[in-house]
Amino acid sequence: MLRQGIRETSTTPKYDIGQRYPEGDRVFRYCRAATALTEKRGAAMGDTLHEQNSVGEAYAGGQDITIALAAADRDQFKNGYINVWTDPVQVCLKVKGNEAASGGNTVIHLAEPLLYNVPNATFTDLHENKYRSVSSQGGGDPHRSVVCIPLVPVVAAEYFWGQTWGDVVGIAHAGGGIGANPNERSVYFANDGSIGLQSDVVGTVDCQQAGFMLPDTSAGDDIFYMLQLAP
């Protein structure tokens, strides 16, 4: 039995961020909201790129690396990734956790050992777990990708289960729904987290695919679709 149901929110974490929960045809991931979120509307990864140099030397086989990052909460990057630009590059090393920033630096604890020695002032880039800073797309930000669909309203800083796969109801970007015309099956996320056909979505050069329509829509538009973010 879940300590926190899929339609419940919590002010304290009950699971690790990103934990996967399969339920029938659906899949959920445990998330933390960075902003208030609306049910049915796609919510995005709100973290930005953290680029910084290493501080001091680190050695192959070690699992700690210090970086020049002045602002970081404890375990902010847990279950995220760091790239260390040695030659060759150490790609997407999994982060076990991190110390809170102190004196302009942050100590990163790795879940796997460094492959090569890291000289002082080696360039790195750091990424949070994609489910930690989940943010509303209500403002229509075209620079962010949807990572989940909340089933209930979520308050900023609350923890919740975000759906990433399976049957779900969305919000139509244009008109009352989707699929009334023949072959209108694939749906895409608009910048505000609603769904629509490519022709409905503003800026269709490379909009993010959400999934496909599920019902027989010959009798009219619908908003029930198969979400295909993370199985």
C-alpha atoms as a PDB file:
ATOM      1  CA  MET A   1       0.000   0.000   0.000  1.00  0.00           C
ATOM      2  CA  LEU A   2       1.342   3.448  -0.909  1.00  0.00           C
ATOM      3  CA  ARG A   3       2.303   5.797   1.921  1.00  0.00           C
ATOM      4  CA  GLN A   4       1.032   8.566  -0.352  1.00  0.00           C
ATOM      5  CA  GLY A   5      -1.730   7.871  -2.857  1.00  0.00           C
ATOM      6  CA  ILE A   6      -1.572   8.946  -6.502  1.00  0.00           C
ATOM      7  CA  ARG A   7      -4.160  11.689  -5.806  1.00  0.00           C
ATOM      8  CA  GLU A   8      -2.547  12.922  -2.590  1.00  0.00           C
ATOM      9  CA  THR A   9       0.054  15.644  -2.071  1.00  0.00           C
ATOM     10  CA  SER A  10       2.500  16.006   0.805  1.00  0.00           C
ATOM     11  CA  THR A  11       4.607  18.814   2.289  1.00  0.00           C
ATOM     12  CA  THR A  12       7.309  16.267   3.175  1.00  0.00           C
ATOM     13  CA  PRO A  13       8.821  13.643   0.843  1.00  0.00           C
ATOM     14  CA  LYS A  14       7.587  10.070   1.288  1.00  0.00           C
ATOM     15  CA  TYR A  15       9.754   8.596  -1.510  1.00  0.00           C
ATOM     16  CA  ASP A  16      12.887   9.454  -3.453  1.00  0.00           C
ATOM     17  CA  ILE A  17      12.355  11.984  -6.229  1.00  0.00           C
ATOM     18  CA  GLY A  18      11.872  10.155  -9.509  1.00  0.00           C
ATOM     19  CA  GLN A  19      10.727   6.871  -7.949  1.00  0.00           C
ATOM     20  CA  ARG A  20       8.593   4.919 -10.403  1.00  0.00           C
ATOM     21  CA  TYR A  21       5.153   3.521  -9.539  1.00  0.00           C
ATOM     22  CA  PRO A  22       3.267   1.372 -12.088  1.00  0.00           C
ATOM     23  CA  GLU A  23      -0.502   1.175 -11.616  1.00  0.00           C
ATOM     24  CA  GLY A  24      -2.396  -0.916 -14.174  1.00  0.00           C
ATOM     25  CA  ASP A  25      -1.907   0.680 -17.607  1.00  0.00           C
ATOM     26  CA  ARG A  26      -0.431   3.834 -16.075  1.00  0.00           C
ATOM     27  CA  VAL A  27       2.999   4.843 -14.756  1.00  0.00           C
ATOM     28  CA  PHE A  28       3.731   7.587 -12.215  1.00  0.00           C
ATOM     29  CA  ARG A  29       6.942   9.258 -10.982  1.00  0.00           C
ATOM     30  CA  TYR A  30       7.396  10.889  -7.594  1.00  0.00           C
ATOM     31  CA  CYS A  31       7.845  14.632  -8.088  1.00  0.00           C
ATOM     32  CA  ARG A  32       8.421  17.891  -6.258  1.00  0.00           C
ATOM     33  CA  ALA A  33       6.563  20.975  -7.468  1.00  0.00           C
ATOM     34  CA  ALA A  34       8.604  24.161  -7.903  1.00  0.00           C
ATOM     35  CA  THR A  35       5.432  26.145  -8.667  1.00  0.00           C
ATOM     36  CA  ALA A  36       1.702  25.615  -8.270  1.00  0.00           C
ATOM     37  CA  LEU A  37       0.444  23.054 -10.811  1.00  0.00           C
ATOM     38  CA  THR A  38      -2.916  22.498 -12.486  1.00  0.00           C
ATOM     39  CA  GLU A  39      -4.484  19.070 -12.935  1.00  0.00           C
ATOM     40  CA  LYS A  40      -4.648  17.661 -16.495  1.00  0.00           C
ATOM     41  CA  ARG A  41      -2.146  20.192 -17.831  1.00  0.00           C
ATOM     42  CA  GLY A  42       1.405  19.144 -18.728  1.00  0.00           C
ATOM     43  CA  ALA A  43       4.015  20.235 -16.167  1.00  0.00           C
ATOM     44  CA  ALA A  44       7.635  20.818 -17.139  1.00  0.00           C
ATOM     45  CA  MET A  45      11.173  20.333 -15.884  1.00  0.00           C
ATOM     46  CA  GLY A  46      11.910  23.771 -14.450  1.00  0.00           C
ATOM     47  CA  ASP A  47      15.607  23.360 -13.671  1.00  0.00           C
ATOM     48  CA  THR A  48      18.205  25.286 -15.654  1.00  0.00           C
ATOM     49  CA  LEU A  49      21.727  24.310 -16.658  1.00  0.00           C
ATOM     50  CA  HIS A  50      24.360  24.582 -13.883  1.00  0.00           C
ATOM     51  CA  GLU A  51      27.787  25.142 -15.447  1.00  0.00           C
ATOM     52  CA  GLN A  52      30.840  25.478 -13.227  1.00  0.00           C
ATOM     53  CA  ASN A  53      34.469  24.391 -12.762  1.00  0.00           C
ATOM     54  CA  SER A  54      35.743  21.780 -10.350  1.00  0.00           C
ATOM     55  CA  VAL A  55      37.673  22.962  -7.290  1.00  0.00           C
ATOM     56  CA  GLY A  56      40.848  21.105  -6.378  1.00  0.00           C
ATOM     57  CA  GLU A  57      41.756  17.704  -7.788  1.00  0.00           C
ATOM     58  CA  ALA A  58      39.658  14.531  -7.806  1.00  0.00           C
ATOM     59  CA  TYR A  59      40.966  11.097  -8.700  1.00  0.00           C
ATOM     60  CA  ALA A  60      39.834   8.071 -10.675  1.00  0.00           C
ATOM     61  CA  GLY A  61      37.928   5.681  -8.421  1.00  0.00           C
ATOM     62  CA  GLY A  62      36.832   8.464  -6.077  1.00  0.00           C
ATOM     63  CA  GLN A  63      33.185   9.349  -5.602  1.00  0.00           C
ATOM     64  CA  ASP A  64      33.370  12.975  -4.460  1.00  0.00           C
ATOM     65  CA  ILE A  65      33.994  16.065  -6.567  1.00  0.00           C
ATOM     66  CA  THR A  66      33.881  19.697  -5.393  1.00  0.00           C
ATOM     67  CA  ILE A  67      32.516  22.305  -7.781  1.00  0.00           C
ATOM     68  CA  ALA A  68      32.310  26.092  -7.690  1.00  0.00           C
ATOM     69  CA  LEU A  69      28.570  26.391  -7.086  1.00  0.00           C
ATOM     70  CA  ALA A  70      27.611  29.046  -4.557  1.00  0.00           C
ATOM     71  CA  ALA A  71      23.905  28.222  -4.187  1.00  0.00           C
ATOM     72  CA  ALA A  72      22.734  24.645  -3.650  1.00  0.00           C
ATOM     73  CA  ASP A  73      20.430  22.993  -1.123  1.00  0.00           C
ATOM     74  CA  ARG A  74      21.451  19.715   0.463  1.00  0.00           C
ATOM     75  CA  ASP A  75      20.672  16.819  -1.925  1.00  0.00           C
ATOM     76  CA  GLN A  76      19.274  19.208  -4.530  1.00  0.00           C
ATOM     77  CA  PHE A  77      20.990  17.129  -7.218  1.00  0.00           C
ATOM     78  CA  LYS A  78      20.279  13.678  -5.758  1.00  0.00           C
ATOM     79  CA  ASN A  79      19.470  11.205  -8.548  1.00  0.00           C
ATOM     80  CA  GLY A  80      20.518  13.771 -11.130  1.00  0.00           C
ATOM     81  CA  TYR A  81      23.643  13.784 -13.316  1.00  0.00           C
ATOM     82  CA  ILE A  82      26.979  15.532 -13.695  1.00  0.00           C
ATOM     83  CA  ASN A  83      29.166  15.650 -16.805  1.00  0.00           C
ATOM     84  CA  VAL A  84      32.892  16.107 -16.200  1.00  0.00           C
ATOM     85  CA  TRP A  85      34.739  17.460 -19.220  1.00  0.00           C
ATOM     86  CA  THR A  86      37.973  15.557 -18.955  1.00  0.00           C
ATOM     87  CA  ASP A  87      39.382  13.957 -22.116  1.00  0.00           C
ATOM     88  CA  PRO A  88      37.501  11.724 -22.723  1.00  0.00           C
ATOM     89  CA  VAL A  89      34.406  13.274 -21.162  1.00  0.00           C
ATOM     90  CA  GLN A  90      32.838  11.465 -18.209  1.00  0.00           C
ATOM     91  CA  VAL A  91      29.224  11.457 -19.362  1.00  0.00           C
ATOM     92  CA  CYS A  92      26.163  11.539 -17.089  1.00  0.00           C
ATOM     93  CA  LEU A  93      27.694  10.289 -13.862  1.00  0.00           C
ATOM     94  CA  LYS A  94      24.819   9.597 -11.468  1.00  0.00           C
ATOM     95  CA  VAL A  95      24.674  11.834  -8.396  1.00  0.00           C
ATOM     96  CA  LYS A  96      24.053  10.122  -5.057  1.00  0.00           C
ATOM     97  CA  GLY A  97      23.624  13.419  -3.203  1.00  0.00           C
ATOM     98  CA  ASN A  98      25.321  16.709  -2.416  1.00  0.00           C
ATOM     99  CA  GLU A  99      26.253  18.901   0.514  1.00  0.00           C
ATOM    100  CA  ALA A 100      24.654  22.316   0.892  1.00  0.00           C
ATOM    101  CA  ALA A 101      26.758  25.052  -0.688  1.00  0.00           C
ATOM    102  CA  SER A 102      29.397  26.511   1.612  1.00  0.00           C
ATOM    103  CA  GLY A 103      32.039  29.140   0.918  1.00  0.00           C
ATOM    104  CA  GLY A 104      31.064  29.328  -2.739  1.00  0.00           C
ATOM    105  CA  ASN A 105      31.524  25.578  -3.323  1.00  0.00           C
ATOM    106  CA  THR A 106      29.376  22.448  -3.316  1.00  0.00           C
ATOM    107  CA  VAL A 107      30.549  18.879  -2.733  1.00  0.00           C
ATOM    108  CA  ILE A 108      28.906  16.355  -5.054  1.00  0.00           C
ATOM    109  CA  HIS A 109      28.717  12.705  -3.952  1.00  0.00           C
ATOM    110  CA  LEU A 110      28.609  10.299  -6.886  1.00  0.00           C
ATOM    111  CA  ALA A 111      26.717   7.013  -7.060  1.00  0.00           C
ATOM    112  CA  GLU A 112      29.493   5.621  -9.277  1.00  0.00           C
ATOM    113  CA  PRO A 113      33.269   6.186  -9.254  1.00  0.00           C
ATOM    114  CA  LEU A 114      35.085   8.692 -11.428  1.00  0.00           C
ATOM    115  CA  LEU A 115      36.637   7.042 -14.470  1.00  0.00           C
ATOM    116  CA  TYR A 116      39.611   9.414 -14.794  1.00  0.00           C
ATOM    117  CA  ASN A 117      41.562  11.937 -12.728  1.00  0.00           C
ATOM    118  CA  VAL A 118      39.973  15.388 -12.649  1.00  0.00           C
ATOM    119  CA  PRO A 119      42.431  18.316 -12.567  1.00  0.00           C
ATOM    120  CA  ASN A 120      41.595  21.536 -10.754  1.00  0.00           C
ATOM    121  CA  ALA A 121      39.266  23.886 -12.689  1.00  0.00           C
ATOM    122  CA  THR A 122      37.880  21.203 -15.002  1.00  0.00           C
ATOM    123  CA  PHE A 123      34.612  22.301 -16.622  1.00  0.00           C
ATOM    124  CA  THR A 124      31.497  20.455 -15.443  1.00  0.00           C
ATOM    125  CA  ASP A 125      27.757  20.758 -15.938  1.00  0.00           C
ATOM    126  CA  LEU A 126      25.173  19.538 -13.478  1.00  0.00           C
ATOM    127  CA  HIS A 127      21.526  18.564 -13.862  1.00  0.00           C
ATOM    128  CA  GLU A 128      18.842  17.985 -11.239  1.00  0.00           C
ATOM    129  CA  ASN A 129      16.627  14.940 -11.429  1.00  0.00           C
ATOM    130  CA  LYS A 130      13.989  15.939 -13.973  1.00  0.00           C
ATOM    131  CA  TYR A 131      11.162  15.402 -11.467  1.00  0.00           C
ATOM    132  CA  ARG A 132      12.545  17.685  -8.722  1.00  0.00           C
ATOM    133  CA  SER A 133      11.675  21.185  -9.979  1.00  0.00           C
ATOM    134  CA  VAL A 134       8.438  20.455 -11.808  1.00  0.00           C
ATOM    135  CA  SER A 135       6.980  23.758 -12.985  1.00  0.00           C
ATOM    136  CA  SER A 136       3.734  25.048 -14.430  1.00  0.00           C
ATOM    137  CA  GLN A 137       3.538  25.638 -18.158  1.00  0.00           C
ATOM    138  CA  GLY A 138       0.672  28.065 -17.604  1.00  0.00           C
ATOM    139  CA  GLY A 139       2.919  30.949 -18.622  1.00  0.00           C
ATOM    140  CA  GLY A 140       3.544  29.358 -22.001  1.00  0.00           C
ATOM    141  CA  ASP A 141       7.348  28.967 -21.739  1.00  0.00           C
ATOM    142  CA  PRO A 142       8.628  27.516 -25.039  1.00  0.00           C
ATOM    143  CA  HIS A 143      12.031  26.595 -23.562  1.00  0.00           C
ATOM    144  CA  ARG A 144      10.821  23.800 -21.269  1.00  0.00           C
ATOM    145  CA  SER A 145       9.689  20.232 -21.881  1.00  0.00           C
ATOM    146  CA  VAL A 146       6.752  18.513 -20.171  1.00  0.00           C
ATOM    147  CA  VAL A 147       7.788  15.661 -17.850  1.00  0.00           C
ATOM    148  CA  CYS A 148       4.472  14.654 -16.230  1.00  0.00           C
ATOM    149  CA  ILE A 149       0.734  15.276 -15.844  1.00  0.00           C
ATOM    150  CA  PRO A 150      -0.588  16.006 -12.313  1.00  0.00           C
ATOM    151  CA  LEU A 151      -3.946  14.370 -11.538  1.00  0.00           C
ATOM    152  CA  VAL A 152      -4.807  16.940  -8.839  1.00  0.00           C
ATOM    153  CA  PRO A 153      -3.919  20.590  -8.108  1.00  0.00           C
ATOM    154  CA  VAL A 154      -0.491  20.857  -6.463  1.00  0.00           C
ATOM    155  CA  VAL A 155       0.866  23.706  -4.323  1.00  0.00           C
ATOM    156  CA  ALA A 156       4.462  24.912  -4.770  1.00  0.00           C
ATOM    157  CA  ALA A 157       7.004  22.828  -2.776  1.00  0.00           C
ATOM    158  CA  GLU A 158       4.566  19.922  -2.390  1.00  0.00           C
ATOM    159  CA  TYR A 159       5.416  16.341  -3.369  1.00  0.00           C
ATOM    160  CA  PHE A 160       3.103  14.409  -5.673  1.00  0.00           C
ATOM    161  CA  TRP A 161       2.819  11.524  -8.123  1.00  0.00           C
ATOM    162  CA  GLY A 162       3.012  12.820 -11.701  1.00  0.00           C
ATOM    163  CA  GLN A 163       1.708  10.569 -14.469  1.00  0.00           C
ATOM    164  CA  THR A 164       4.236   9.831 -17.226  1.00  0.00           C
ATOM    165  CA  TRP A 165       2.559   7.043 -19.217  1.00  0.00           C
ATOM    166  CA  GLY A 166      -0.882   5.680 -19.997  1.00  0.00           C
ATOM    167  CA  ASP A 167      -4.519   6.732 -20.281  1.00  0.00           C
ATOM    168  CA  VAL A 168      -5.123  10.342 -19.232  1.00  0.00           C
ATOM    169  CA  VAL A 169      -7.385  13.322 -19.898  1.00  0.00           C
ATOM    170  CA  GLY A 170      -5.840  16.589 -21.092  1.00  0.00           C
ATOM    171  CA  ILE A 171      -6.847  20.150 -21.884  1.00  0.00           C
ATOM    172  CA  ALA A 172      -7.450  20.936 -25.557  1.00  0.00           C
ATOM    173  CA  HIS A 173      -5.326  23.748 -26.915  1.00  0.00           C
ATOM    174  CA  ALA A 174      -7.903  24.800 -29.514  1.00  0.00           C
ATOM    175  CA  GLY A 175     -11.638  24.188 -29.713  1.00  0.00           C
ATOM    176  CA  GLY A 176     -13.509  21.648 -27.631  1.00  0.00           C
ATOM    177  CA  GLY A 177     -11.284  18.682 -28.300  1.00  0.00           C
ATOM    178  CA  ILE A 178      -9.268  16.719 -30.856  1.00  0.00           C
ATOM    179  CA  GLY A 179      -9.864  14.085 -33.473  1.00  0.00           C
ATOM    180  CA  ALA A 180     -13.136  15.009 -35.155  1.00  0.00           C
ATOM    181  CA  ASN A 181     -11.532  14.900 -38.611  1.00  0.00           C
ATOM    182  CA  PRO A 182     -10.160  11.667 -40.122  1.00  0.00           C
ATOM    183  CA  ASN A 183      -6.610  10.695 -39.120  1.00  0.00           C
ATOM    184  CA  GLU A 184      -6.301  13.280 -36.330  1.00  0.00           C
ATOM    185  CA  ARG A 185      -4.630  10.898 -33.915  1.00  0.00           C
ATOM    186  CA  SER A 186      -1.209  12.189 -32.764  1.00  0.00           C
ATOM    187  CA  VAL A 187      -1.238  14.949 -30.151  1.00  0.00           C
ATOM    188  CA  TYR A 188       1.448  17.420 -29.059  1.00  0.00           C
ATOM    189  CA  PHE A 189       2.048  19.707 -26.078  1.00  0.00           C
ATOM    190  CA  ALA A 190       1.485  23.412 -26.544  1.00  0.00           C
ATOM    191  CA  ASN A 191       3.653  25.823 -24.562  1.00  0.00           C
ATOM    192  CA  ASP A 192       0.979  26.099 -21.855  1.00  0.00           C
ATOM    193  CA  GLY A 193       0.817  22.334 -21.215  1.00  0.00           C
ATOM    194  CA  SER A 194      -2.410  21.768 -23.154  1.00  0.00           C
ATOM    195  CA  ILE A 195      -2.548  19.279 -26.023  1.00  0.00           C
ATOM    196  CA  GLY A 196      -3.408  19.680 -29.674  1.00  0.00           C
ATOM    197  CA  LEU A 197      -2.639  18.657 -33.202  1.00  0.00           C
ATOM    198  CA  GLN A 198       0.527  20.056 -34.737  1.00  0.00           C
ATOM    199  CA  SER A 199      -1.676  22.484 -36.666  1.00  0.00           C
ATOM    200  CA  ASP A 200      -3.227  23.668 -33.351  1.00  0.00           C
ATOM    201  CA  VAL A 201       0.052  24.295 -31.566  1.00  0.00           C
ATOM    202  CA  VAL A 202       1.805  27.615 -32.049  1.00  0.00           C
ATOM    203  CA  GLY A 203       5.418  27.068 -33.081  1.00  0.00           C
ATOM    204  CA  THR A 204       5.088  23.640 -34.665  1.00  0.00           C
ATOM    205  CA  VAL A 205       8.657  23.407 -35.985  1.00  0.00           C
ATOM    206  CA  ASP A 206       9.613  20.933 -33.275  1.00  0.00           C
ATOM    207  CA  CYS A 207       6.850  20.778 -30.662  1.00  0.00           C
ATOM    208  CA  GLN A 208       6.938  17.999 -28.071  1.00  0.00           C
ATOM    209  CA  GLN A 209       4.904  14.873 -28.807  1.00  0.00           C
ATOM    210  CA  ALA A 210       2.471  13.918 -26.050  1.00  0.00           C
ATOM    211  CA  GLY A 211       0.959  10.695 -27.412  1.00  0.00           C
ATOM    212  CA  PHE A 212      -2.110   9.711 -29.400  1.00  0.00           C
ATOM    213  CA  MET A 213      -5.891   9.861 -29.139  1.00  0.00           C
ATOM    214  CA  LEU A 214      -7.567   6.806 -27.631  1.00  0.00           C
ATOM    215  CA  PRO A 215     -11.349   6.898 -28.318  1.00  0.00           C
ATOM    216  CA  ASP A 216     -13.265   6.593 -31.555  1.00  0.00           C
ATOM    217  CA  THR A 217     -13.643  10.313 -32.224  1.00  0.00           C
ATOM    218  CA  SER A 218     -15.816  10.062 -35.341  1.00  0.00           C
ATOM    219  CA  ALA A 219     -18.800  11.436 -33.388  1.00  0.00           C
ATOM    220  CA  GLY A 220     -16.877  14.519 -32.215  1.00  0.00           C
ATOM    221  CA  ASP A 221     -13.800  15.874 -30.473  1.00  0.00           C
ATOM    222  CA  ASP A 222     -12.341  14.333 -27.305  1.00  0.00           C
ATOM    223  CA  ILE A 223      -9.431  14.958 -24.903  1.00  0.00           C
ATOM    224  CA  PHE A 224      -8.779  11.367 -23.710  1.00  0.00           C
ATOM    225  CA  TYR A 225      -5.370  10.262 -24.922  1.00  0.00           C
ATOM    226  CA  MET A 226      -2.468   7.848 -24.443  1.00  0.00           C
ATOM    227  CA  LEU A 227       0.349   9.722 -22.701  1.00  0.00           C
ATOM    228  CA  GLN A 228       3.832   8.661 -23.834  1.00  0.00           C
ATOM    229  CA  LEU A 229       6.498  10.447 -21.797  1.00  0.00           C
ATOM    230  CA  ALA A 230       8.331   7.803 -19.699  1.00  0.00           C
ATOM    231  CA  PRO A 231       7.115   4.171 -19.553  1.00  0.00           C
END
